[in-house]
Amino acid sequence: MEVNEALIDRLSELSKLEFSTDDKGKMVKDLNKMLEFVDKLNEVDTEGVEPLLFMNEDVNQWRADEEKPALGQKEALKNAPLSDSDYFKVPKVIDNK
């Protein structure tokens, strides 16, 4: 895979981020270095190496599920900076382009 400014432009469009020309050049260089490193990892002989599922043998300690009283709608809305009838009012964050 070749990383070039066209790919950076596409990624910035998808992520809704803007980069300067200098930043784009640095990103192209950095991403190409990362891909070269991954290619080197593909050259490592892993014959006979057992796949690693977890970094250590620790087991997750989960807490017991406990039923607790739910927060009522009116209680939740009274803590909201903006509300509209029965709903939280939030600023628009997605642009429909």
C-alpha atoms as a PDB file:
ATOM      1  CA  MET A   1       0.000   0.000   0.000  1.00  0.00           C
ATOM      2  CA  GLU A   2       1.403   3.360  -0.971  1.00  0.00           C
ATOM      3  CA  VAL A   3       0.771   6.289   1.302  1.00  0.00           C
ATOM      4  CA  ASN A   4       0.589   9.582  -0.565  1.00  0.00           C
ATOM      5  CA  GLU A   5      -1.103  12.947  -0.135  1.00  0.00           C
ATOM      6  CA  ALA A   6      -4.220  11.698  -1.944  1.00  0.00           C
ATOM      7  CA  LEU A   7      -4.632   8.987   0.710  1.00  0.00           C
ATOM      8  CA  ILE A   8      -4.083  11.535   3.495  1.00  0.00           C
ATOM      9  CA  ASP A   9      -6.724  13.786   1.875  1.00  0.00           C
ATOM     10  CA  ARG A  10      -9.177  10.866   1.801  1.00  0.00           C
ATOM     11  CA  LEU A  11      -8.452   9.932   5.421  1.00  0.00           C
ATOM     12  CA  SER A  12      -8.833  13.546   6.547  1.00  0.00           C
ATOM     13  CA  GLU A  13     -12.158  13.754   4.721  1.00  0.00           C
ATOM     14  CA  LEU A  14     -13.405  10.561   6.382  1.00  0.00           C
ATOM     15  CA  SER A  15     -12.229  11.663   9.821  1.00  0.00           C
ATOM     16  CA  LYS A  16     -13.449  15.258   9.361  1.00  0.00           C
ATOM     17  CA  LEU A  17      -9.965  16.588  10.198  1.00  0.00           C
ATOM     18  CA  GLU A  18      -8.015  19.301   8.423  1.00  0.00           C
ATOM     19  CA  PHE A  19      -4.239  19.253   7.951  1.00  0.00           C
ATOM     20  CA  SER A  20      -1.780  21.798   6.638  1.00  0.00           C
ATOM     21  CA  THR A  21       0.452  20.925   3.679  1.00  0.00           C
ATOM     22  CA  ASP A  22       3.406  20.501   6.060  1.00  0.00           C
ATOM     23  CA  ASP A  23       1.394  18.160   8.294  1.00  0.00           C
ATOM     24  CA  LYS A  24       0.312  16.091   5.283  1.00  0.00           C
ATOM     25  CA  GLY A  25       3.937  15.635   4.214  1.00  0.00           C
ATOM     26  CA  LYS A  26       4.912  14.567   7.732  1.00  0.00           C
ATOM     27  CA  MET A  27       1.992  12.126   7.877  1.00  0.00           C
ATOM     28  CA  VAL A  28       2.946  10.564   4.548  1.00  0.00           C
ATOM     29  CA  LYS A  29       6.478  10.049   5.861  1.00  0.00           C
ATOM     30  CA  ASP A  30       5.323   8.691   9.244  1.00  0.00           C
ATOM     31  CA  LEU A  31       2.733   6.308   7.788  1.00  0.00           C
ATOM     32  CA  ASN A  32       5.255   4.962   5.277  1.00  0.00           C
ATOM     33  CA  LYS A  33       7.686   4.296   8.162  1.00  0.00           C
ATOM     34  CA  MET A  34       4.945   2.433  10.044  1.00  0.00           C
ATOM     35  CA  LEU A  35       4.113   0.296   7.031  1.00  0.00           C
ATOM     36  CA  GLU A  36       7.802  -0.509   6.499  1.00  0.00           C
ATOM     37  CA  PHE A  37       7.997  -1.655  10.119  1.00  0.00           C
ATOM     38  CA  VAL A  38       4.940  -3.897   9.700  1.00  0.00           C
ATOM     39  CA  ASP A  39       6.495  -5.363   6.540  1.00  0.00           C
ATOM     40  CA  LYS A  40       9.625  -6.196   8.562  1.00  0.00           C
ATOM     41  CA  LEU A  41       7.445  -7.971  11.133  1.00  0.00           C
ATOM     42  CA  ASN A  42       6.012 -10.112   8.332  1.00  0.00           C
ATOM     43  CA  GLU A  43       9.556 -11.351   7.609  1.00  0.00           C
ATOM     44  CA  VAL A  44      10.026 -12.751  11.145  1.00  0.00           C
ATOM     45  CA  ASP A  45      10.103 -16.563  11.303  1.00  0.00           C
ATOM     46  CA  THR A  46       7.280 -17.573  13.648  1.00  0.00           C
ATOM     47  CA  GLU A  47       7.472 -21.290  12.885  1.00  0.00           C
ATOM     48  CA  GLY A  48       6.709 -23.231  16.067  1.00  0.00           C
ATOM     49  CA  VAL A  49       5.675 -20.151  18.053  1.00  0.00           C
ATOM     50  CA  GLU A  50       2.362 -20.606  19.795  1.00  0.00           C
ATOM     51  CA  PRO A  51      -0.101 -17.734  19.232  1.00  0.00           C
ATOM     52  CA  LEU A  52      -0.450 -15.380  22.180  1.00  0.00           C
ATOM     53  CA  LEU A  53      -4.043 -14.824  23.222  1.00  0.00           C
ATOM     54  CA  PHE A  54      -3.400 -12.675  26.285  1.00  0.00           C
ATOM     55  CA  MET A  55      -0.392 -10.727  27.556  1.00  0.00           C
ATOM     56  CA  ASN A  56      -0.575 -12.413  30.962  1.00  0.00           C
ATOM     57  CA  GLU A  57      -2.446 -15.147  32.793  1.00  0.00           C
ATOM     58  CA  ASP A  58      -4.521 -12.796  34.962  1.00  0.00           C
ATOM     59  CA  VAL A  59      -8.249 -13.354  34.869  1.00  0.00           C
ATOM     60  CA  ASN A  60     -10.683 -10.443  34.863  1.00  0.00           C
ATOM     61  CA  GLN A  61     -12.325  -9.829  38.203  1.00  0.00           C
ATOM     62  CA  TRP A  62     -15.895  -8.799  37.510  1.00  0.00           C
ATOM     63  CA  ARG A  63     -18.100  -7.214  40.103  1.00  0.00           C
ATOM     64  CA  ALA A  64     -21.433  -8.801  40.901  1.00  0.00           C
ATOM     65  CA  ASP A  65     -24.413  -7.288  39.108  1.00  0.00           C
ATOM     66  CA  GLU A  66     -26.600  -5.423  41.538  1.00  0.00           C
ATOM     67  CA  GLU A  67     -29.973  -3.961  40.763  1.00  0.00           C
ATOM     68  CA  LYS A  68     -30.158  -0.291  41.676  1.00  0.00           C
ATOM     69  CA  PRO A  69     -33.020   2.155  41.349  1.00  0.00           C
ATOM     70  CA  ALA A  70     -33.034   3.888  37.977  1.00  0.00           C
ATOM     71  CA  LEU A  71     -32.735   7.638  37.577  1.00  0.00           C
ATOM     72  CA  GLY A  72     -36.110   9.054  36.619  1.00  0.00           C
ATOM     73  CA  GLN A  73     -36.590  11.030  33.415  1.00  0.00           C
ATOM     74  CA  LYS A  74     -37.425  14.270  35.213  1.00  0.00           C
ATOM     75  CA  GLU A  75     -34.423  13.875  37.532  1.00  0.00           C
ATOM     76  CA  ALA A  76     -32.093  13.298  34.585  1.00  0.00           C
ATOM     77  CA  LEU A  77     -33.459  16.248  32.630  1.00  0.00           C
ATOM     78  CA  LYS A  78     -33.156  18.664  35.549  1.00  0.00           C
ATOM     79  CA  ASN A  79     -29.357  18.171  35.418  1.00  0.00           C
ATOM     80  CA  ALA A  80     -29.205  18.877  31.681  1.00  0.00           C
ATOM     81  CA  PRO A  81     -28.004  22.316  30.553  1.00  0.00           C
ATOM     82  CA  LEU A  82     -30.629  22.254  27.776  1.00  0.00           C
ATOM     83  CA  SER A  83     -33.738  20.144  27.370  1.00  0.00           C
ATOM     84  CA  ASP A  84     -36.789  20.159  25.152  1.00  0.00           C
ATOM     85  CA  SER A  85     -39.880  18.577  26.650  1.00  0.00           C
ATOM     86  CA  ASP A  86     -38.818  14.962  27.336  1.00  0.00           C
ATOM     87  CA  TYR A  87     -35.423  15.044  25.595  1.00  0.00           C
ATOM     88  CA  PHE A  88     -31.872  16.276  26.086  1.00  0.00           C
ATOM     89  CA  LYS A  89     -31.016  19.098  23.705  1.00  0.00           C
ATOM     90  CA  VAL A  90     -27.478  18.889  22.297  1.00  0.00           C
ATOM     91  CA  PRO A  91     -25.586  20.812  19.614  1.00  0.00           C
ATOM     92  CA  LYS A  92     -25.443  19.318  16.142  1.00  0.00           C
ATOM     93  CA  VAL A  93     -22.193  17.354  15.725  1.00  0.00           C
ATOM     94  CA  ILE A  94     -22.652  15.581  12.374  1.00  0.00           C
ATOM     95  CA  ASP A  95     -22.499  17.451   9.105  1.00  0.00           C
ATOM     96  CA  ASN A  96     -24.577  15.921   6.283  1.00  0.00           C
ATOM     97  CA  LYS A  97     -22.332  16.481   3.287  1.00  0.00           C
END
